[in-house]
Amino acid sequence: MSGSQQVPKDHRALMAAIDKGDPSKDYVWDGADEDDRPFSKQELTAGLEAYRNAISLSGERKDGGG
């Protein structure tokens, strides 16, 4: 069969429902396990900065080359 694969209607309905969702409510932490807690914006920023510093100190190229 040539052409694109057909997508079932229920799959399209699911994808439309996901697109309508509020991104701020993607995950709700139940408070039971600290390891499951989402990172705060400050923690993400600090982690990215530490990663960038580690890469620059190691001399690795950003494109993955050595």
PDB file of N, CA and C in Angstrom:
ATOM      1  N   MET A   1       0.842  -1.175   0.000  1.00  0.00           N
ATOM      2  CA  MET A   1       0.000   0.000   0.000  1.00  0.00           C
ATOM      3  C   MET A   1       0.892   1.244   0.000  1.00  0.00           C
ATOM      4  N   SER A   2       0.609   2.157  -0.867  1.00  0.00           N
ATOM      5  CA  SER A   2       1.398   3.383  -0.920  1.00  0.00           C
ATOM      6  C   SER A   2       0.681   4.494  -0.156  1.00  0.00           C
ATOM      7  N   GLY A   3       1.397   5.532   0.172  1.00  0.00           N
ATOM      8  CA  GLY A   3       0.797   6.667   0.868  1.00  0.00           C
ATOM      9  C   GLY A   3       0.968   6.561   2.371  1.00  0.00           C
ATOM     10  N   SER A   4       0.381   7.515   3.049  1.00  0.00           N
ATOM     11  CA  SER A   4       0.485   7.571   4.506  1.00  0.00           C
ATOM     12  C   SER A   4      -0.403   6.530   5.159  1.00  0.00           C
ATOM     13  N   GLN A   5       0.033   6.072   6.309  1.00  0.00           N
ATOM     14  CA  GLN A   5      -0.775   5.135   7.083  1.00  0.00           C
ATOM     15  C   GLN A   5      -1.953   5.881   7.682  1.00  0.00           C
ATOM     16  N   GLN A   6      -3.128   5.285   7.644  1.00  0.00           N
ATOM     17  CA  GLN A   6      -4.300   5.937   8.202  1.00  0.00           C
ATOM     18  C   GLN A   6      -4.260   5.871   9.719  1.00  0.00           C
ATOM     19  N   VAL A   7      -4.703   6.948  10.351  1.00  0.00           N
ATOM     20  CA  VAL A   7      -4.749   7.025  11.804  1.00  0.00           C
ATOM     21  C   VAL A   7      -6.183   6.788  12.241  1.00  0.00           C
ATOM     22  N   PRO A   8      -6.399   5.852  13.167  1.00  0.00           N
ATOM     23  CA  PRO A   8      -7.765   5.602  13.628  1.00  0.00           C
ATOM     24  C   PRO A   8      -8.393   6.853  14.245  1.00  0.00           C
ATOM     25  N   LYS A   9      -9.700   6.981  14.098  1.00  0.00           N
ATOM     26  CA  LYS A   9     -10.403   8.157  14.610  1.00  0.00           C
ATOM     27  C   LYS A   9     -10.244   8.300  16.106  1.00  0.00           C
ATOM     28  N   ASP A  10     -10.234   7.182  16.850  1.00  0.00           N
ATOM     29  CA  ASP A  10     -10.099   7.289  18.304  1.00  0.00           C
ATOM     30  C   ASP A  10      -8.729   7.845  18.690  1.00  0.00           C
ATOM     31  N   HIS A  11      -7.706   7.556  17.900  1.00  0.00           N
ATOM     32  CA  HIS A  11      -6.377   8.100  18.170  1.00  0.00           C
ATOM     33  C   HIS A  11      -6.367   9.623  17.958  1.00  0.00           C
ATOM     34  N   ARG A  12      -7.032  10.055  16.885  1.00  0.00           N
ATOM     35  CA  ARG A  12      -7.116  11.503  16.629  1.00  0.00           C
ATOM     36  C   ARG A  12      -7.887  12.203  17.742  1.00  0.00           C
ATOM     37  N   ALA A  13      -8.942  11.574  18.234  1.00  0.00           N
ATOM     38  CA  ALA A  13      -9.721  12.160  19.326  1.00  0.00           C
ATOM     39  C   ALA A  13      -8.872  12.260  20.594  1.00  0.00           C
ATOM     40  N   LEU A  14      -8.070  11.240  20.860  1.00  0.00           N
ATOM     41  CA  LEU A  14      -7.186  11.260  22.023  1.00  0.00           C
ATOM     42  C   LEU A  14      -6.163  12.387  21.902  1.00  0.00           C
ATOM     43  N   MET A  15      -5.562  12.510  20.739  1.00  0.00           N
ATOM     44  CA  MET A  15      -4.561  13.564  20.541  1.00  0.00           C
ATOM     45  C   MET A  15      -5.186  14.952  20.671  1.00  0.00           C
ATOM     46  N   ALA A  16      -6.409  15.132  20.189  1.00  0.00           N
ATOM     47  CA  ALA A  16      -7.095  16.419  20.322  1.00  0.00           C
ATOM     48  C   ALA A  16      -7.359  16.726  21.782  1.00  0.00           C
ATOM     49  N   ALA A  17      -7.739  15.721  22.558  1.00  0.00           N
ATOM     50  CA  ALA A  17      -7.990  15.926  23.986  1.00  0.00           C
ATOM     51  C   ALA A  17      -6.708  16.287  24.719  1.00  0.00           C
ATOM     52  N   ILE A  18      -5.598  15.660  24.345  1.00  0.00           N
ATOM     53  CA  ILE A  18      -4.310  15.974  24.970  1.00  0.00           C
ATOM     54  C   ILE A  18      -3.912  17.414  24.649  1.00  0.00           C
ATOM     55  N   ASP A  19      -4.118  17.836  23.415  1.00  0.00           N
ATOM     56  CA  ASP A  19      -3.761  19.199  23.012  1.00  0.00           C
ATOM     57  C   ASP A  19      -4.552  20.248  23.784  1.00  0.00           C
ATOM     58  N   LYS A  20      -5.763  19.916  24.196  1.00  0.00           N
ATOM     59  CA  LYS A  20      -6.599  20.865  24.930  1.00  0.00           C
ATOM     60  C   LYS A  20      -6.221  20.963  26.399  1.00  0.00           C
ATOM     61  N   GLY A  21      -5.416  20.025  26.883  1.00  0.00           N
ATOM     62  CA  GLY A  21      -5.060  19.986  28.302  1.00  0.00           C
ATOM     63  C   GLY A  21      -4.226  21.169  28.740  1.00  0.00           C
ATOM     64  N   ASP A  22      -4.310  21.476  30.017  1.00  0.00           N
ATOM     65  CA  ASP A  22      -3.537  22.566  30.621  1.00  0.00           C
ATOM     66  C   ASP A  22      -2.150  22.040  30.986  1.00  0.00           C
ATOM     67  N   PRO A  23      -1.067  22.530  30.351  1.00  0.00           N
ATOM     68  CA  PRO A  23       0.279  22.022  30.621  1.00  0.00           C
ATOM     69  C   PRO A  23       0.716  22.180  32.072  1.00  0.00           C
ATOM     70  N   SER A  24       0.165  23.143  32.787  1.00  0.00           N
ATOM     71  CA  SER A  24       0.561  23.327  34.182  1.00  0.00           C
ATOM     72  C   SER A  24       0.021  22.220  35.078  1.00  0.00           C
ATOM     73  N   LYS A  25      -0.881  21.406  34.549  1.00  0.00           N
ATOM     74  CA  LYS A  25      -1.463  20.324  35.341  1.00  0.00           C
ATOM     75  C   LYS A  25      -1.035  18.954  34.827  1.00  0.00           C
ATOM     76  N   ASP A  26       0.109  18.888  34.150  1.00  0.00           N
ATOM     77  CA  ASP A  26       0.574  17.620  33.608  1.00  0.00           C
ATOM     78  C   ASP A  26       0.902  16.610  34.698  1.00  0.00           C
ATOM     79  N   TYR A  27       1.422  17.060  35.827  1.00  0.00           N
ATOM     80  CA  TYR A  27       1.837  16.153  36.885  1.00  0.00           C
ATOM     81  C   TYR A  27       1.487  16.776  38.219  1.00  0.00           C
ATOM     82  N   VAL A  28       0.915  15.978  39.094  1.00  0.00           N
ATOM     83  CA  VAL A  28       0.605  16.436  40.447  1.00  0.00           C
ATOM     84  C   VAL A  28       1.317  15.503  41.409  1.00  0.00           C
ATOM     85  N   TRP A  29       2.232  16.057  42.187  1.00  0.00           N
ATOM     86  CA  TRP A  29       3.000  15.270  43.144  1.00  0.00           C
ATOM     87  C   TRP A  29       2.127  14.970  44.345  1.00  0.00           C
ATOM     88  N   ASP A  30       2.085  13.705  44.759  1.00  0.00           N
ATOM     89  CA  ASP A  30       1.251  13.313  45.890  1.00  0.00           C
ATOM     90  C   ASP A  30       1.929  13.526  47.234  1.00  0.00           C
ATOM     91  N   GLY A  31       3.206  13.906  47.237  1.00  0.00           N
ATOM     92  CA  GLY A  31       3.922  14.195  48.478  1.00  0.00           C
ATOM     93  C   GLY A  31       4.435  12.962  49.195  1.00  0.00           C
ATOM     94  N   ALA A  32       4.199  11.791  48.656  1.00  0.00           N
ATOM     95  CA  ALA A  32       4.567  10.556  49.348  1.00  0.00           C
ATOM     96  C   ALA A  32       6.066  10.257  49.262  1.00  0.00           C
ATOM     97  N   ASP A  33       6.702  10.575  48.151  1.00  0.00           N
ATOM     98  CA  ASP A  33       8.101  10.215  47.953  1.00  0.00           C
ATOM     99  C   ASP A  33       8.847  11.412  47.381  1.00  0.00           C
ATOM    100  N   GLU A  34       9.830  11.888  48.130  1.00  0.00           N
ATOM    101  CA  GLU A  34      10.594  13.062  47.713  1.00  0.00           C
ATOM    102  C   GLU A  34      11.301  12.831  46.374  1.00  0.00           C
ATOM    103  N   ASP A  35      11.652  11.581  46.065  1.00  0.00           N
ATOM    104  CA  ASP A  35      12.308  11.287  44.786  1.00  0.00           C
ATOM    105  C   ASP A  35      11.387  11.501  43.592  1.00  0.00           C
ATOM    106  N   ASP A  36      10.085  11.511  43.821  1.00  0.00           N
ATOM    107  CA  ASP A  36       9.118  11.719  42.740  1.00  0.00           C
ATOM    108  C   ASP A  36       8.730  13.180  42.561  1.00  0.00           C
ATOM    109  N   ARG A  37       9.240  14.051  43.432  1.00  0.00           N
ATOM    110  CA  ARG A  37       8.880  15.467  43.365  1.00  0.00           C
ATOM    111  C   ARG A  37       9.480  16.096  42.120  1.00  0.00           C
ATOM    112  N   PRO A  38       8.673  16.856  41.382  1.00  0.00           N
ATOM    113  CA  PRO A  38       9.223  17.540  40.208  1.00  0.00           C
ATOM    114  C   PRO A  38      10.230  18.617  40.630  1.00  0.00           C
ATOM    115  N   PHE A  39      11.215  18.858  39.776  1.00  0.00           N
ATOM    116  CA  PHE A  39      12.190  19.907  40.064  1.00  0.00           C
ATOM    117  C   PHE A  39      11.526  21.275  40.018  1.00  0.00           C
ATOM    118  N   SER A  40      12.007  22.164  40.865  1.00  0.00           N
ATOM    119  CA  SER A  40      11.553  23.552  40.801  1.00  0.00           C
ATOM    120  C   SER A  40      12.317  24.250  39.674  1.00  0.00           C
ATOM    121  N   LYS A  41      11.857  25.426  39.301  1.00  0.00           N
ATOM    122  CA  LYS A  41      12.545  26.185  38.252  1.00  0.00           C
ATOM    123  C   LYS A  41      13.981  26.489  38.679  1.00  0.00           C
ATOM    124  N   GLN A  42      14.174  26.810  39.948  1.00  0.00           N
ATOM    125  CA  GLN A  42      15.516  27.115  40.453  1.00  0.00           C
ATOM    126  C   GLN A  42      16.420  25.883  40.377  1.00  0.00           C
ATOM    127  N   GLU A  43      15.878  24.700  40.705  1.00  0.00           N
ATOM    128  CA  GLU A  43      16.676  23.480  40.635  1.00  0.00           C
ATOM    129  C   GLU A  43      17.051  23.138  39.194  1.00  0.00           C
ATOM    130  N   LEU A  44      16.112  23.320  38.278  1.00  0.00           N
ATOM    131  CA  LEU A  44      16.410  23.066  36.865  1.00  0.00           C
ATOM    132  C   LEU A  44      17.479  24.026  36.347  1.00  0.00           C
ATOM    133  N   THR A  45      17.358  25.288  36.700  1.00  0.00           N
ATOM    134  CA  THR A  45      18.333  26.292  36.269  1.00  0.00           C
ATOM    135  C   THR A  45      19.718  25.969  36.811  1.00  0.00           C
ATOM    136  N   ALA A  46      19.795  25.602  38.097  1.00  0.00           N
ATOM    137  CA  ALA A  46      21.078  25.261  38.709  1.00  0.00           C
ATOM    138  C   ALA A  46      21.679  24.018  38.053  1.00  0.00           C
ATOM    139  N   GLY A  47      20.848  23.024  37.757  1.00  0.00           N
ATOM    140  CA  GLY A  47      21.334  21.807  37.115  1.00  0.00           C
ATOM    141  C   GLY A  47      21.864  22.061  35.720  1.00  0.00           C
ATOM    142  N   LEU A  48      21.149  22.890  34.953  1.00  0.00           N
ATOM    143  CA  LEU A  48      21.612  23.228  33.603  1.00  0.00           C
ATOM    144  C   LEU A  48      22.924  24.001  33.646  1.00  0.00           C
ATOM    145  N   GLU A  49      23.039  24.911  34.581  1.00  0.00           N
ATOM    146  CA  GLU A  49      24.276  25.687  34.701  1.00  0.00           C
ATOM    147  C   GLU A  49      25.441  24.772  35.082  1.00  0.00           C
ATOM    148  N   ALA A  50      25.209  23.849  36.018  1.00  0.00           N
ATOM    149  CA  ALA A  50      26.266  22.910  36.416  1.00  0.00           C
ATOM    150  C   ALA A  50      26.676  22.036  35.236  1.00  0.00           C
ATOM    151  N   TYR A  51      25.700  21.584  34.451  1.00  0.00           N
ATOM    152  CA  TYR A  51      25.992  20.770  33.276  1.00  0.00           C
ATOM    153  C   TYR A  51      26.823  21.563  32.266  1.00  0.00           C
ATOM    154  N   ARG A  52      26.427  22.786  32.002  1.00  0.00           N
ATOM    155  CA  ARG A  52      27.168  23.614  31.038  1.00  0.00           C
ATOM    156  C   ARG A  52      28.593  23.862  31.511  1.00  0.00           C
ATOM    157  N   ASN A  53      28.750  24.103  32.808  1.00  0.00           N
ATOM    158  CA  ASN A  53      30.093  24.312  33.342  1.00  0.00           C
ATOM    159  C   ASN A  53      30.931  23.045  33.222  1.00  0.00           C
ATOM    160  N   ALA A  54      30.343  21.893  33.484  1.00  0.00           N
ATOM    161  CA  ALA A  54      31.070  20.627  33.378  1.00  0.00           C
ATOM    162  C   ALA A  54      31.502  20.372  31.944  1.00  0.00           C
ATOM    163  N   ILE A  55      30.624  20.674  30.997  1.00  0.00           N
ATOM    164  CA  ILE A  55      30.962  20.487  29.580  1.00  0.00           C
ATOM    165  C   ILE A  55      32.094  21.418  29.175  1.00  0.00           C
ATOM    166  N   SER A  56      32.022  22.676  29.586  1.00  0.00           N
ATOM    167  CA  SER A  56      33.066  23.623  29.184  1.00  0.00           C
ATOM    168  C   SER A  56      34.405  23.281  29.835  1.00  0.00           C
ATOM    169  N   LEU A  57      34.384  22.751  31.055  1.00  0.00           N
ATOM    170  CA  LEU A  57      35.628  22.374  31.729  1.00  0.00           C
ATOM    171  C   LEU A  57      36.235  21.113  31.123  1.00  0.00           C
ATOM    172  N   SER A  58      35.387  20.222  30.609  1.00  0.00           N
ATOM    173  CA  SER A  58      35.896  18.969  30.047  1.00  0.00           C
ATOM    174  C   SER A  58      36.436  19.154  28.635  1.00  0.00           C
ATOM    175  N   GLY A  59      36.096  20.273  28.013  1.00  0.00           N
ATOM    176  CA  GLY A  59      36.565  20.525  26.660  1.00  0.00           C
ATOM    177  C   GLY A  59      35.756  19.840  25.592  1.00  0.00           C
ATOM    178  N   GLU A  60      34.630  19.232  25.978  1.00  0.00           N
ATOM    179  CA  GLU A  60      33.787  18.577  24.975  1.00  0.00           C
ATOM    180  C   GLU A  60      33.138  19.606  24.073  1.00  0.00           C
ATOM    181  N   ARG A  61      32.981  19.218  22.818  1.00  0.00           N
ATOM    182  CA  ARG A  61      32.265  20.061  21.899  1.00  0.00           C
ATOM    183  C   ARG A  61      30.771  19.860  22.092  1.00  0.00           C
ATOM    184  N   LYS A  62      29.985  20.900  21.874  1.00  0.00           N
ATOM    185  CA  LYS A  62      28.552  20.819  22.078  1.00  0.00           C
ATOM    186  C   LYS A  62      27.871  19.918  21.046  1.00  0.00           C
ATOM    187  N   ASP A  63      28.522  19.662  19.913  1.00  0.00           N
ATOM    188  CA  ASP A  63      27.908  18.818  18.900  1.00  0.00           C
ATOM    189  C   ASP A  63      28.183  17.332  19.142  1.00  0.00           C
ATOM    190  N   GLY A  64      28.784  17.011  20.296  1.00  0.00           N
ATOM    191  CA  GLY A  64      29.021  15.623  20.637  1.00  0.00           C
ATOM    192  C   GLY A  64      30.383  15.107  20.218  1.00  0.00           C
ATOM    193  N   GLY A  65      31.134  15.894  19.467  1.00  0.00           N
ATOM    194  CA  GLY A  65      32.457  15.478  19.057  1.00  0.00           C
ATOM    195  C   GLY A  65      33.457  15.619  20.197  1.00  0.00           C
ATOM    196  N   GLY A  66      34.570  14.918  20.116  1.00  0.00           N
ATOM    197  CA  GLY A  66      35.509  14.918  21.223  1.00  0.00           C
ATOM    198  C   GLY A  66      36.669  15.716  21.006  1.00  0.00           C
TER     199      GLY A  66
END
